Amino acid sequence: MTVDMDRYHDSSPLSELPDKGYVHLYIGMGKGKTTAALGLSLRAAGYGLKTYIGQFMKGIRYGEFLASDMLPWLTVERYGEDTMVHPDAPREEDMQRLRDGVEKLLAAMACGDYDLVVADELLTACAFSMISEKEVLDLLDKKPDKVELILTGMSASQILVDKADVVTRMEEVRHYYRNQGILSRKGIDR
């Protein structure tokens, strides 16, 4: 059996790429929000698009951060220390990193170098009142028309949900951490 590979090749010119970017929210207590954002950036890379990911509240060396050195179309910056920010007791330096992260995210959207911009866990920082909803809404208002913006986190207010173009909720049904006590695994969970 032979496979007609031309059937799978999209020969449409780059001029047919989207000229408008939308706002996506990937929310919920389940696993997969960051993974979905990375999947979208991989899909976009297939058409020559570049992605910037700003990771809020994360300083741990996750696989996507390590891979960004090998992938010229992906830039990942972490706005945290080598541990997760504890939402019940953020330190002033944690709060400053979050504020700096919002500024870096705004700069990434405005510079014209990136087609997709991901604010990873920004919605979690907002849910814990570490970043105000007004700051998130301002970020959405400042999004250039051609930039696709993805925000991830455990929840979003109805105002943010109503403002977004795509909202996907990840729901945990079962996870080996809770069921079997297995901690996060390199390359799979982090």
Protein backbone atom coordinates (compact mmCIF):
# COMPACT_ATOMS: atom_id res chain seq x y z
CA MET A 1 0.00 0.00 0.00
CA THR A 2 1.33 3.43 -0.89
CA VAL A 3 0.42 6.61 0.89
CA ASP A 4 -0.16 9.80 -1.05
CA MET A 5 1.91 12.21 1.06
CA ASP A 6 0.74 15.21 -1.00
CA ARG A 7 -2.66 14.66 0.57
CA TYR A 8 -1.14 15.49 3.97
CA HIS A 9 0.97 18.43 2.84
CA ASP A 10 -0.60 21.85 3.20
CA SER A 11 0.85 23.98 0.44
CA SER A 12 -1.12 27.10 1.33
CA PRO A 13 1.10 30.20 1.37
CA LEU A 14 2.10 31.86 4.62
CA SER A 15 -0.01 34.83 3.56
CA GLU A 16 -3.03 32.69 4.46
CA LEU A 17 -2.00 32.59 8.12
CA PRO A 18 -4.49 34.14 10.53
CA ASP A 19 -4.50 37.93 10.54
CA LYS A 20 -6.42 38.11 13.81
CA GLY A 21 -5.43 36.63 17.14
CA TYR A 22 -7.88 35.47 19.77
CA VAL A 23 -7.86 35.00 23.54
CA HIS A 24 -7.92 31.46 24.94
CA LEU A 25 -8.43 30.46 28.57
CA TYR A 26 -7.36 26.97 29.65
CA ILE A 27 -8.74 26.56 33.15
CA GLY A 28 -9.55 23.90 35.73
CA MET A 29 -8.09 21.76 38.45
CA GLY A 30 -7.11 19.02 36.03
CA LYS A 31 -3.75 18.34 34.41
CA GLY A 32 -3.13 19.56 30.87
CA LYS A 33 -3.50 23.34 30.70
CA THR A 34 0.17 24.10 30.06
CA THR A 35 0.41 21.01 27.87
CA ALA A 36 -2.48 22.29 25.72
CA ALA A 37 -0.77 25.66 25.34
CA LEU A 38 2.46 23.93 24.32
CA GLY A 39 0.56 21.78 21.84
CA LEU A 40 -0.88 24.90 20.24
CA SER A 41 2.61 26.41 20.02
CA LEU A 42 3.90 23.24 18.33
CA ARG A 43 1.05 23.38 15.82
CA ALA A 44 1.80 27.06 15.15
CA ALA A 45 5.52 26.31 14.70
CA GLY A 46 4.57 24.05 11.81
CA TYR A 47 3.57 27.21 9.95
CA GLY A 48 6.57 29.25 11.05
CA LEU A 49 4.90 31.02 13.96
CA LYS A 50 6.84 31.84 17.14
CA THR A 51 5.68 31.50 20.73
CA TYR A 52 6.59 33.28 23.96
CA ILE A 53 5.61 31.59 27.24
CA GLY A 54 5.77 33.49 30.50
CA GLN A 55 5.40 31.14 33.46
CA PHE A 56 3.88 32.81 36.50
CA MET A 57 4.41 31.32 39.96
CA LYS A 58 6.76 28.71 38.45
CA GLY A 59 10.49 28.64 38.85
CA ILE A 60 11.00 24.89 38.73
CA ARG A 61 12.94 23.70 35.69
CA TYR A 62 10.03 22.17 33.78
CA GLY A 63 10.68 20.27 30.55
CA GLU A 64 9.32 23.05 28.35
CA PHE A 65 11.83 25.48 29.86
CA LEU A 66 14.69 23.05 29.21
CA ALA A 67 13.47 22.37 25.65
CA SER A 68 13.23 26.05 24.74
CA ASP A 69 17.02 26.17 24.24
CA MET A 70 16.66 23.51 21.54
CA LEU A 71 13.60 25.00 19.83
CA PRO A 72 14.23 28.32 18.07
CA TRP A 73 10.51 29.06 17.73
CA LEU A 74 9.87 28.81 21.50
CA THR A 75 10.91 31.24 24.22
CA VAL A 76 10.10 30.40 27.84
CA GLU A 77 10.71 32.71 30.79
CA ARG A 78 9.99 31.82 34.38
CA TYR A 79 8.80 34.46 36.83
CA GLY A 80 9.56 32.62 40.01
CA GLU A 81 12.20 30.92 42.09
CA ASP A 82 13.12 27.22 41.98
CA THR A 83 9.98 26.40 43.96
CA MET A 84 6.31 27.14 43.40
CA VAL A 85 5.06 30.37 44.95
CA HIS A 86 2.92 29.53 47.96
CA PRO A 87 -0.33 31.46 47.39
CA ASP A 88 -1.21 31.70 51.09
CA ALA A 89 2.06 33.39 52.00
CA PRO A 90 3.64 35.12 49.00
CA ARG A 91 6.73 37.12 49.83
CA GLU A 92 7.27 40.64 48.53
CA GLU A 93 9.92 39.34 46.12
CA ASP A 94 7.35 36.84 44.76
CA MET A 95 4.88 39.67 44.20
CA GLN A 96 7.56 41.74 42.45
CA ARG A 97 8.38 38.81 40.14
CA LEU A 98 4.69 38.59 39.22
CA ARG A 99 4.53 42.32 38.45
CA ASP A 100 7.75 42.08 36.42
CA GLY A 101 6.28 39.10 34.61
CA VAL A 102 3.22 41.08 33.53
CA GLU A 103 5.54 43.78 32.14
CA LYS A 104 7.61 41.18 30.26
CA LEU A 105 4.43 39.62 28.87
CA LEU A 106 3.23 43.02 27.66
CA ALA A 107 6.62 43.61 26.02
CA ALA A 108 6.50 40.18 24.33
CA MET A 109 3.05 40.95 22.91
CA ALA A 110 4.08 44.41 21.68
CA CYS A 111 7.50 43.65 20.19
CA GLY A 112 6.19 41.90 17.06
CA ASP A 113 8.50 38.88 17.43
CA TYR A 114 5.82 36.49 18.68
CA ASP A 115 2.59 35.23 17.13
CA LEU A 116 1.45 33.34 20.24
CA VAL A 117 1.92 34.57 23.78
CA VAL A 118 1.14 32.29 26.71
CA ALA A 119 0.56 33.57 30.26
CA ASP A 120 1.01 30.26 32.05
CA GLU A 121 -0.63 30.21 35.52
CA LEU A 122 -1.49 33.91 35.36
CA LEU A 123 -5.10 32.97 36.09
CA THR A 124 -3.98 31.06 39.19
CA ALA A 125 -2.11 34.15 40.42
CA CYS A 126 -5.32 36.12 39.81
CA ALA A 127 -7.47 33.54 41.61
CA PHE A 128 -5.24 33.93 44.68
CA SER A 129 -5.42 37.77 44.41
CA MET A 130 -1.70 37.99 43.71
CA ILE A 131 -2.51 39.74 40.43
CA SER A 132 -5.70 41.76 40.17
CA GLU A 133 -8.46 40.97 37.72
CA LYS A 134 -8.07 44.54 36.46
CA GLU A 135 -4.41 43.82 35.57
CA VAL A 136 -5.49 40.74 33.61
CA LEU A 137 -8.24 42.70 31.83
CA ASP A 138 -5.72 45.44 31.00
CA LEU A 139 -3.45 42.77 29.52
CA LEU A 140 -6.31 41.54 27.33
CA ASP A 141 -7.10 45.10 26.23
CA LYS A 142 -3.46 45.70 25.25
CA LYS A 143 -3.20 42.54 23.14
CA PRO A 144 -2.27 43.45 19.55
CA ASP A 145 -4.79 42.25 16.97
CA LYS A 146 -2.44 39.70 15.38
CA VAL A 147 -1.28 38.06 18.63
CA GLU A 148 -2.96 34.87 19.85
CA LEU A 149 -3.03 35.05 23.67
CA ILE A 150 -3.41 32.00 25.88
CA LEU A 151 -3.94 32.27 29.65
CA THR A 152 -3.82 29.22 31.89
CA GLY A 153 -4.73 28.63 35.51
CA MET A 154 -7.06 26.91 37.92
CA SER A 155 -10.01 29.30 37.49
CA ALA A 156 -11.24 32.47 35.86
CA SER A 157 -13.97 34.92 36.81
CA GLN A 158 -17.10 35.14 34.69
CA ILE A 159 -15.89 38.54 33.44
CA LEU A 160 -12.70 36.93 32.07
CA VAL A 161 -14.62 33.99 30.65
CA ASP A 162 -17.00 36.37 28.87
CA LYS A 163 -14.08 38.39 27.47
CA ALA A 164 -12.28 35.32 26.03
CA ASP A 165 -12.90 33.83 22.61
CA VAL A 166 -12.06 30.22 23.55
CA VAL A 167 -12.51 28.71 27.02
CA THR A 168 -11.51 25.13 27.78
CA ARG A 169 -11.96 23.56 31.19
CA MET A 170 -9.68 20.68 32.18
CA GLU A 171 -11.37 18.37 34.64
CA GLU A 172 -9.45 15.76 36.60
CA VAL A 173 -11.18 12.42 36.64
CA ARG A 174 -8.28 10.39 38.01
CA HIS A 175 -4.62 11.16 38.69
CA TYR A 176 -1.91 8.78 39.90
CA TYR A 177 -0.73 11.40 42.39
CA ARG A 178 -3.98 11.21 44.32
CA ASN A 179 -4.75 7.55 43.68
CA GLN A 180 -1.27 6.04 44.02
CA GLY A 181 0.83 8.75 45.66
CA ILE A 182 3.15 9.00 42.65
CA LEU A 183 4.93 12.37 42.55
CA SER A 184 5.44 14.41 39.38
CA ARG A 185 7.66 12.67 36.83
CA LYS A 186 10.29 14.44 34.72
CA GLY A 187 9.26 14.71 31.10
CA ILE A 188 5.63 13.80 31.84
CA ASP A 189 4.33 16.05 34.62
CA ARG A 190 7.11 18.62 34.68
